[in-house]
Amino acid sequence: MERHSRFTCDFTGTCHKCHCTIRGCESACQALGRIYHARCFYCCICGKELKGQQFYQVQNKIYCKHDFKEIEVNRPCKTCYVCGKVIGDKILETLGRNYHPKCFYCCECFVVLEGVPFTIDENNNVFCLPDYHRKYSPRCDRCSDPIIPQQQSDEIIRVVCNNKQYHTGCFKCEDCGIQLSNEQGRQCFPINNRLYCLKCHQQRITSTNPKLAITHRTAPSKNNKKIHNLKNAPTNDSFSDV
């Protein structure tokens, strides 16, 4: 809802209502960032011309002061889902509920979420995206940080190997640092859940027991890159494997 008072009309152009050319300041007015013929800017209830008069806009409809008061008296009051108080001028409607804008906030950090991306968990608790990911995103078995989308992206990308999950950047040999993958020469050969390339794996085995250098046979652990799209509001289920 917007409340407006008097305005001036020193302009020419095209009427927003009838789309005809406006000729002469005397027959026109400006309101809501647009220009109108005076005869085209009127109350949607009684038809009264509102040039130079106080008017109200509700859901893109224009009302004179009298008719606005009438619809306000007869309109059912909406209450805020959070505080339970009647909502006055500005209402935020989302998730099938009504809120004061200041009452729609993250349940973790309490930052107001009007105009900010948000999501909910399975219990309909509202989160800002950073707090949601901190609480629900899968965690990397190498660095223990949550695996979250990169900036400007809606996708979570992780590597799963031996039932453990990693950031793509954390899935590398713990000795030489080479990035591991399913490519020949970059395959993963774990020892006690530690990640190694074939060369470093063999060096570890040899240093532990030189006799195993001859008899030990190694096979790479398969790994899969998992991609989860979070373009729609994420929930716990968003992190199931695809």
C-alpha atoms as a PDB file:
ATOM      1  CA  MET A   1       0.000   0.000   0.000  1.00  0.00           C
ATOM      2  CA  GLU A   2       1.268   3.455  -0.882  1.00  0.00           C
ATOM      3  CA  ARG A   3      -0.028   6.826   0.240  1.00  0.00           C
ATOM      4  CA  HIS A   4       0.493   9.871  -1.958  1.00  0.00           C
ATOM      5  CA  SER A   5      -0.273  13.573  -1.758  1.00  0.00           C
ATOM      6  CA  ARG A   6      -0.188  16.424  -4.293  1.00  0.00           C
ATOM      7  CA  PHE A   7       2.007  16.504  -7.384  1.00  0.00           C
ATOM      8  CA  THR A   8       2.916  18.793 -10.303  1.00  0.00           C
ATOM      9  CA  CYS A   9       2.611  18.400 -14.070  1.00  0.00           C
ATOM     10  CA  ASP A  10       5.236  20.196 -16.136  1.00  0.00           C
ATOM     11  CA  PHE A  11       5.639  17.638 -18.936  1.00  0.00           C
ATOM     12  CA  THR A  12       4.337  16.112 -22.152  1.00  0.00           C
ATOM     13  CA  GLY A  13       4.276  12.489 -23.244  1.00  0.00           C
ATOM     14  CA  THR A  14       1.984   9.451 -23.483  1.00  0.00           C
ATOM     15  CA  CYS A  15      -0.750   8.668 -20.972  1.00  0.00           C
ATOM     16  CA  HIS A  16      -0.074   5.443 -19.062  1.00  0.00           C
ATOM     17  CA  LYS A  17      -3.793   4.630 -18.950  1.00  0.00           C
ATOM     18  CA  CYS A  18      -5.082   5.273 -22.478  1.00  0.00           C
ATOM     19  CA  HIS A  19      -1.710   5.370 -24.293  1.00  0.00           C
ATOM     20  CA  CYS A  20      -2.666   8.548 -26.156  1.00  0.00           C
ATOM     21  CA  THR A  21      -0.451  11.616 -26.485  1.00  0.00           C
ATOM     22  CA  ILE A  22      -0.748  14.259 -23.769  1.00  0.00           C
ATOM     23  CA  ARG A  23      -0.846  17.829 -25.080  1.00  0.00           C
ATOM     24  CA  GLY A  24      -0.631  20.646 -22.569  1.00  0.00           C
ATOM     25  CA  CYS A  25       0.121  20.663 -18.885  1.00  0.00           C
ATOM     26  CA  GLU A  26      -3.399  21.667 -17.898  1.00  0.00           C
ATOM     27  CA  SER A  27      -4.880  18.333 -18.930  1.00  0.00           C
ATOM     28  CA  ALA A  28      -2.314  16.029 -17.305  1.00  0.00           C
ATOM     29  CA  CYS A  29      -0.829  14.881 -14.026  1.00  0.00           C
ATOM     30  CA  GLN A  30       2.070  12.795 -12.831  1.00  0.00           C
ATOM     31  CA  ALA A  31       1.871  10.010 -10.231  1.00  0.00           C
ATOM     32  CA  LEU A  32       3.638   6.762  -9.379  1.00  0.00           C
ATOM     33  CA  GLY A  33       6.436   7.681 -11.768  1.00  0.00           C
ATOM     34  CA  ARG A  34       4.030   7.850 -14.728  1.00  0.00           C
ATOM     35  CA  ILE A  35       2.012  10.499 -16.527  1.00  0.00           C
ATOM     36  CA  TYR A  36      -1.734  10.513 -17.144  1.00  0.00           C
ATOM     37  CA  HIS A  37      -4.450  12.624 -18.668  1.00  0.00           C
ATOM     38  CA  ALA A  38      -6.270  14.158 -15.719  1.00  0.00           C
ATOM     39  CA  ARG A  39      -9.420  12.353 -16.880  1.00  0.00           C
ATOM     40  CA  CYS A  40      -7.542   9.015 -16.895  1.00  0.00           C
ATOM     41  CA  PHE A  41      -6.288   9.201 -13.320  1.00  0.00           C
ATOM     42  CA  TYR A  42      -9.303   8.411 -11.161  1.00  0.00           C
ATOM     43  CA  CYS A  43     -10.572   6.297  -8.265  1.00  0.00           C
ATOM     44  CA  CYS A  44     -11.346   2.738  -9.335  1.00  0.00           C
ATOM     45  CA  ILE A  45     -14.477   2.725  -7.130  1.00  0.00           C
ATOM     46  CA  CYS A  46     -16.257   6.045  -7.584  1.00  0.00           C
ATOM     47  CA  GLY A  47     -14.507   7.355 -10.705  1.00  0.00           C
ATOM     48  CA  LYS A  48     -13.506  10.658  -9.097  1.00  0.00           C
ATOM     49  CA  GLU A  49     -10.594  12.372 -10.866  1.00  0.00           C
ATOM     50  CA  LEU A  50      -7.621  12.524  -8.523  1.00  0.00           C
ATOM     51  CA  LYS A  51      -5.382  15.158 -10.077  1.00  0.00           C
ATOM     52  CA  GLY A  52      -4.083  17.244  -7.178  1.00  0.00           C
ATOM     53  CA  GLN A  53      -5.897  15.030  -4.657  1.00  0.00           C
ATOM     54  CA  GLN A  54      -4.685  12.574  -2.066  1.00  0.00           C
ATOM     55  CA  PHE A  55      -4.888   9.002  -3.324  1.00  0.00           C
ATOM     56  CA  TYR A  56      -3.867   5.481  -2.339  1.00  0.00           C
ATOM     57  CA  GLN A  57      -2.561   2.535  -4.308  1.00  0.00           C
ATOM     58  CA  VAL A  58      -3.442  -0.992  -3.176  1.00  0.00           C
ATOM     59  CA  GLN A  59      -2.489  -3.989  -5.348  1.00  0.00           C
ATOM     60  CA  ASN A  60      -2.011  -1.697  -8.359  1.00  0.00           C
ATOM     61  CA  LYS A  61      -5.469  -0.146  -7.975  1.00  0.00           C
ATOM     62  CA  ILE A  62      -5.999   3.571  -7.310  1.00  0.00           C
ATOM     63  CA  TYR A  63      -8.424   4.779  -4.617  1.00  0.00           C
ATOM     64  CA  CYS A  64      -9.588   8.162  -3.391  1.00  0.00           C
ATOM     65  CA  LYS A  65      -9.256   8.812   0.330  1.00  0.00           C
ATOM     66  CA  HIS A  66     -12.922   8.060   1.058  1.00  0.00           C
ATOM     67  CA  ASP A  67     -13.081   4.731  -0.776  1.00  0.00           C
ATOM     68  CA  PHE A  68      -9.727   3.645   0.600  1.00  0.00           C
ATOM     69  CA  LYS A  69     -11.056   4.052   4.143  1.00  0.00           C
ATOM     70  CA  GLU A  70     -14.124   2.026   3.190  1.00  0.00           C
ATOM     71  CA  ILE A  71     -12.132  -0.927   1.890  1.00  0.00           C
ATOM     72  CA  GLU A  72      -9.783  -0.761   4.885  1.00  0.00           C
ATOM     73  CA  VAL A  73     -12.724  -1.024   7.294  1.00  0.00           C
ATOM     74  CA  ASN A  74     -14.204  -4.009   5.453  1.00  0.00           C
ATOM     75  CA  ARG A  75     -10.960  -5.804   4.655  1.00  0.00           C
ATOM     76  CA  PRO A  76     -10.127  -8.734   7.006  1.00  0.00           C
ATOM     77  CA  CYS A  77      -7.093  -8.010   9.144  1.00  0.00           C
ATOM     78  CA  LYS A  78      -4.045 -10.163   8.574  1.00  0.00           C
ATOM     79  CA  THR A  79      -1.846 -11.095  11.495  1.00  0.00           C
ATOM     80  CA  CYS A  80       1.859 -11.872  11.549  1.00  0.00           C
ATOM     81  CA  TYR A  81       2.754 -15.568  11.804  1.00  0.00           C
ATOM     82  CA  VAL A  82       5.636 -14.769  14.173  1.00  0.00           C
ATOM     83  CA  CYS A  83       4.432 -12.040  16.538  1.00  0.00           C
ATOM     84  CA  GLY A  84       0.673 -12.465  16.124  1.00  0.00           C
ATOM     85  CA  LYS A  85       0.064  -8.730  15.733  1.00  0.00           C
ATOM     86  CA  VAL A  86      -2.031  -7.110  13.012  1.00  0.00           C
ATOM     87  CA  ILE A  87      -0.027  -6.235   9.902  1.00  0.00           C
ATOM     88  CA  GLY A  88      -0.437  -2.635   8.800  1.00  0.00           C
ATOM     89  CA  ASP A  89       1.029  -0.969   5.739  1.00  0.00           C
ATOM     90  CA  LYS A  90       3.492  -3.570   4.470  1.00  0.00           C
ATOM     91  CA  ILE A  91       2.982  -7.325   4.407  1.00  0.00           C
ATOM     92  CA  LEU A  92       5.321 -10.122   3.391  1.00  0.00           C
ATOM     93  CA  GLU A  93       3.515 -13.230   2.135  1.00  0.00           C
ATOM     94  CA  THR A  94       5.549 -16.417   1.739  1.00  0.00           C
ATOM     95  CA  LEU A  95       5.340 -20.125   2.587  1.00  0.00           C
ATOM     96  CA  GLY A  96       1.559 -19.680   2.804  1.00  0.00           C
ATOM     97  CA  ARG A  97       1.939 -17.305   5.766  1.00  0.00           C
ATOM     98  CA  ASN A  98       1.868 -13.571   6.462  1.00  0.00           C
ATOM     99  CA  TYR A  99       4.713 -11.691   8.136  1.00  0.00           C
ATOM    100  CA  HIS A 100       5.811  -8.233   9.103  1.00  0.00           C
ATOM    101  CA  PRO A 101       8.990  -7.808   7.011  1.00  0.00           C
ATOM    102  CA  LYS A 102      11.018  -7.375  10.222  1.00  0.00           C
ATOM    103  CA  CYS A 103       9.593 -10.647  11.613  1.00  0.00           C
ATOM    104  CA  PHE A 104      10.752 -12.797   8.708  1.00  0.00           C
ATOM    105  CA  TYR A 105      14.268 -13.742   9.760  1.00  0.00           C
ATOM    106  CA  CYS A 106      16.740 -16.627   9.926  1.00  0.00           C
ATOM    107  CA  CYS A 107      16.129 -18.888  12.920  1.00  0.00           C
ATOM    108  CA  GLU A 108      19.889 -19.166  13.519  1.00  0.00           C
ATOM    109  CA  CYS A 109      21.406 -15.689  13.069  1.00  0.00           C
ATOM    110  CA  PHE A 110      18.144 -13.650  13.100  1.00  0.00           C
ATOM    111  CA  VAL A 111      19.096 -11.627  10.020  1.00  0.00           C
ATOM    112  CA  VAL A 112      15.972 -10.215   8.335  1.00  0.00           C
ATOM    113  CA  LEU A 113      15.323 -12.100   5.081  1.00  0.00           C
ATOM    114  CA  GLU A 114      13.108  -9.673   3.168  1.00  0.00           C
ATOM    115  CA  GLY A 115      14.487  -9.703  -0.380  1.00  0.00           C
ATOM    116  CA  VAL A 116      17.221 -12.186   0.612  1.00  0.00           C
ATOM    117  CA  PRO A 117      17.488 -15.819  -0.637  1.00  0.00           C
ATOM    118  CA  PHE A 118      16.317 -18.253   2.030  1.00  0.00           C
ATOM    119  CA  THR A 119      15.263 -21.848   2.507  1.00  0.00           C
ATOM    120  CA  ILE A 120      13.536 -24.073   5.051  1.00  0.00           C
ATOM    121  CA  ASP A 121      14.321 -27.395   6.690  1.00  0.00           C
ATOM    122  CA  GLU A 122      11.985 -30.371   7.029  1.00  0.00           C
ATOM    123  CA  ASN A 123      10.396 -28.727  10.092  1.00  0.00           C
ATOM    124  CA  ASN A 124       9.689 -25.495   8.160  1.00  0.00           C
ATOM    125  CA  ASN A 125      12.288 -23.543  10.108  1.00  0.00           C
ATOM    126  CA  VAL A 126      13.490 -20.595   8.008  1.00  0.00           C
ATOM    127  CA  PHE A 127      17.228 -20.188   7.316  1.00  0.00           C
ATOM    128  CA  CYS A 128      19.473 -17.837   5.416  1.00  0.00           C
ATOM    129  CA  LEU A 129      21.500 -19.935   2.962  1.00  0.00           C
ATOM    130  CA  PRO A 130      24.864 -19.672   4.802  1.00  0.00           C
ATOM    131  CA  ASP A 131      23.361 -20.949   8.077  1.00  0.00           C
ATOM    132  CA  TYR A 132      21.410 -23.663   6.304  1.00  0.00           C
ATOM    133  CA  HIS A 133      24.572 -24.987   4.678  1.00  0.00           C
ATOM    134  CA  ARG A 134      26.506 -24.799   7.940  1.00  0.00           C
ATOM    135  CA  LYS A 135      23.863 -26.942   9.610  1.00  0.00           C
ATOM    136  CA  TYR A 136      22.772 -29.370   6.898  1.00  0.00           C
ATOM    137  CA  SER A 137      25.342 -29.568   4.115  1.00  0.00           C
ATOM    138  CA  PRO A 138      27.522 -32.701   3.961  1.00  0.00           C
ATOM    139  CA  ARG A 139      30.960 -32.227   5.511  1.00  0.00           C
ATOM    140  CA  CYS A 140      34.251 -33.020   3.893  1.00  0.00           C
ATOM    141  CA  ASP A 141      36.044 -35.997   5.460  1.00  0.00           C
ATOM    142  CA  ARG A 142      39.383 -34.305   4.755  1.00  0.00           C
ATOM    143  CA  CYS A 143      38.953 -30.750   6.111  1.00  0.00           C
ATOM    144  CA  SER A 144      35.633 -31.137   8.018  1.00  0.00           C
ATOM    145  CA  ASP A 145      34.184 -27.973   6.428  1.00  0.00           C
ATOM    146  CA  PRO A 146      30.691 -28.088   4.865  1.00  0.00           C
ATOM    147  CA  ILE A 147      30.525 -28.812   1.144  1.00  0.00           C
ATOM    148  CA  ILE A 148      28.524 -25.894  -0.255  1.00  0.00           C
ATOM    149  CA  PRO A 149      27.904 -24.309  -3.685  1.00  0.00           C
ATOM    150  CA  GLN A 150      30.558 -22.044  -5.127  1.00  0.00           C
ATOM    151  CA  GLN A 151      29.721 -18.359  -5.526  1.00  0.00           C
ATOM    152  CA  GLN A 152      27.158 -17.622  -8.269  1.00  0.00           C
ATOM    153  CA  SER A 153      26.282 -21.332  -8.450  1.00  0.00           C
ATOM    154  CA  ASP A 154      23.296 -23.440  -7.396  1.00  0.00           C
ATOM    155  CA  GLU A 155      25.211 -26.733  -7.471  1.00  0.00           C
ATOM    156  CA  ILE A 156      26.978 -28.654  -4.736  1.00  0.00           C
ATOM    157  CA  ILE A 157      29.818 -30.745  -6.159  1.00  0.00           C
ATOM    158  CA  ARG A 158      31.492 -33.400  -4.017  1.00  0.00           C
ATOM    159  CA  VAL A 159      33.619 -36.505  -4.532  1.00  0.00           C
ATOM    160  CA  VAL A 160      32.519 -39.752  -2.866  1.00  0.00           C
ATOM    161  CA  CYS A 161      35.132 -42.468  -2.324  1.00  0.00           C
ATOM    162  CA  ASN A 162      34.902 -45.483  -0.009  1.00  0.00           C
ATOM    163  CA  ASN A 163      31.693 -44.064   1.501  1.00  0.00           C
ATOM    164  CA  LYS A 164      33.458 -40.826   2.412  1.00  0.00           C
ATOM    165  CA  GLN A 165      32.897 -37.443   0.803  1.00  0.00           C
ATOM    166  CA  TYR A 166      35.273 -34.644  -0.086  1.00  0.00           C
ATOM    167  CA  HIS A 167      35.506 -31.202  -1.605  1.00  0.00           C
ATOM    168  CA  THR A 168      36.912 -31.653  -5.102  1.00  0.00           C
ATOM    169  CA  GLY A 169      39.929 -29.596  -3.999  1.00  0.00           C
ATOM    170  CA  CYS A 170      40.475 -31.814  -0.945  1.00  0.00           C
ATOM    171  CA  PHE A 171      40.473 -35.050  -2.933  1.00  0.00           C
ATOM    172  CA  LYS A 172      44.229 -35.208  -3.492  1.00  0.00           C
ATOM    173  CA  CYS A 173      47.227 -37.263  -2.427  1.00  0.00           C
ATOM    174  CA  GLU A 174      48.187 -36.471   1.154  1.00  0.00           C
ATOM    175  CA  ASP A 175      51.902 -36.847   0.384  1.00  0.00           C
ATOM    176  CA  CYS A 176      52.590 -35.279  -3.012  1.00  0.00           C
ATOM    177  CA  GLY A 177      49.387 -33.220  -3.361  1.00  0.00           C
ATOM    178  CA  ILE A 178      48.435 -34.462  -6.837  1.00  0.00           C
ATOM    179  CA  GLN A 179      44.715 -34.086  -7.610  1.00  0.00           C
ATOM    180  CA  LEU A 180      43.109 -37.540  -7.571  1.00  0.00           C
ATOM    181  CA  SER A 181      40.498 -38.795 -10.023  1.00  0.00           C
ATOM    182  CA  ASN A 182      39.620 -41.906 -12.022  1.00  0.00           C
ATOM    183  CA  GLU A 183      42.154 -40.985 -14.689  1.00  0.00           C
ATOM    184  CA  GLN A 184      45.126 -43.285 -15.189  1.00  0.00           C
ATOM    185  CA  GLY A 185      47.999 -42.084 -13.003  1.00  0.00           C
ATOM    186  CA  ARG A 186      45.694 -40.056 -10.744  1.00  0.00           C
ATOM    187  CA  GLN A 187      43.728 -42.878  -9.165  1.00  0.00           C
ATOM    188  CA  CYS A 188      43.246 -43.105  -5.417  1.00  0.00           C
ATOM    189  CA  PHE A 189      44.925 -45.869  -3.376  1.00  0.00           C
ATOM    190  CA  PRO A 190      43.901 -45.303   0.278  1.00  0.00           C
ATOM    191  CA  ILE A 191      45.702 -46.648   3.321  1.00  0.00           C
ATOM    192  CA  ASN A 192      43.658 -46.597   6.539  1.00  0.00           C
ATOM    193  CA  ASN A 193      41.294 -44.024   4.993  1.00  0.00           C
ATOM    194  CA  ARG A 194      44.193 -41.737   4.046  1.00  0.00           C
ATOM    195  CA  LEU A 195      44.322 -40.656   0.407  1.00  0.00           C
ATOM    196  CA  TYR A 196      47.375 -41.467  -1.737  1.00  0.00           C
ATOM    197  CA  CYS A 197      48.273 -41.737  -5.386  1.00  0.00           C
ATOM    198  CA  LEU A 198      49.763 -45.051  -6.567  1.00  0.00           C
ATOM    199  CA  LYS A 199      53.373 -43.873  -6.282  1.00  0.00           C
ATOM    200  CA  CYS A 200      52.990 -42.546  -2.735  1.00  0.00           C
ATOM    201  CA  HIS A 201      50.901 -45.560  -1.760  1.00  0.00           C
ATOM    202  CA  GLN A 202      53.706 -47.904  -2.829  1.00  0.00           C
ATOM    203  CA  GLN A 203      56.307 -45.799  -1.015  1.00  0.00           C
ATOM    204  CA  ARG A 204      54.231 -45.959   2.171  1.00  0.00           C
ATOM    205  CA  ILE A 205      53.840 -49.727   1.901  1.00  0.00           C
ATOM    206  CA  THR A 206      57.561 -50.200   1.224  1.00  0.00           C
ATOM    207  CA  SER A 207      58.653 -47.985   4.118  1.00  0.00           C
ATOM    208  CA  THR A 208      56.349 -49.845   6.493  1.00  0.00           C
ATOM    209  CA  ASN A 209      57.489 -53.324   5.432  1.00  0.00           C
ATOM    210  CA  PRO A 210      60.076 -53.646   2.619  1.00  0.00           C
ATOM    211  CA  LYS A 211      59.062 -57.267   2.020  1.00  0.00           C
ATOM    212  CA  LEU A 212      55.634 -56.101   0.882  1.00  0.00           C
ATOM    213  CA  ALA A 213      57.195 -54.199  -2.011  1.00  0.00           C
ATOM    214  CA  ILE A 214      57.359 -57.479  -3.928  1.00  0.00           C
ATOM    215  CA  THR A 215      54.168 -59.228  -2.822  1.00  0.00           C
ATOM    216  CA  HIS A 216      51.734 -56.340  -2.255  1.00  0.00           C
ATOM    217  CA  ARG A 217      49.100 -55.930  -4.941  1.00  0.00           C
ATOM    218  CA  THR A 218      47.188 -52.674  -5.136  1.00  0.00           C
ATOM    219  CA  ALA A 219      43.868 -51.778  -6.707  1.00  0.00           C
ATOM    220  CA  PRO A 220      42.523 -48.236  -6.973  1.00  0.00           C
ATOM    221  CA  SER A 221      39.419 -47.157  -5.094  1.00  0.00           C
ATOM    222  CA  LYS A 222      36.690 -45.951  -7.391  1.00  0.00           C
ATOM    223  CA  ASN A 223      35.350 -42.477  -6.795  1.00  0.00           C
ATOM    224  CA  ASN A 224      32.316 -40.661  -8.104  1.00  0.00           C
ATOM    225  CA  LYS A 225      31.673 -36.965  -8.482  1.00  0.00           C
ATOM    226  CA  LYS A 226      28.256 -36.084  -7.109  1.00  0.00           C
ATOM    227  CA  ILE A 227      26.434 -32.961  -8.294  1.00  0.00           C
ATOM    228  CA  HIS A 228      23.359 -31.625  -6.500  1.00  0.00           C
ATOM    229  CA  ASN A 229      21.385 -28.734  -7.937  1.00  0.00           C
ATOM    230  CA  LEU A 230      19.977 -26.342  -5.349  1.00  0.00           C
ATOM    231  CA  LYS A 231      18.199 -23.927  -7.689  1.00  0.00           C
ATOM    232  CA  ASN A 232      14.996 -24.740  -5.859  1.00  0.00           C
ATOM    233  CA  ALA A 233      14.922 -24.195  -2.119  1.00  0.00           C
ATOM    234  CA  PRO A 234      17.150 -26.920  -0.634  1.00  0.00           C
ATOM    235  CA  THR A 235      16.088 -29.320   2.081  1.00  0.00           C
ATOM    236  CA  ASN A 236      17.830 -32.270   3.700  1.00  0.00           C
ATOM    237  CA  ASP A 237      16.773 -34.453   0.763  1.00  0.00           C
ATOM    238  CA  SER A 238      18.669 -32.195  -1.632  1.00  0.00           C
ATOM    239  CA  PHE A 239      21.866 -33.876  -0.552  1.00  0.00           C
ATOM    240  CA  SER A 240      20.884 -37.430  -1.411  1.00  0.00           C
ATOM    241  CA  ASP A 241      23.062 -39.024  -4.073  1.00  0.00           C
ATOM    242  CA  VAL A 242      22.102 -38.625  -7.727  1.00  0.00           C
END
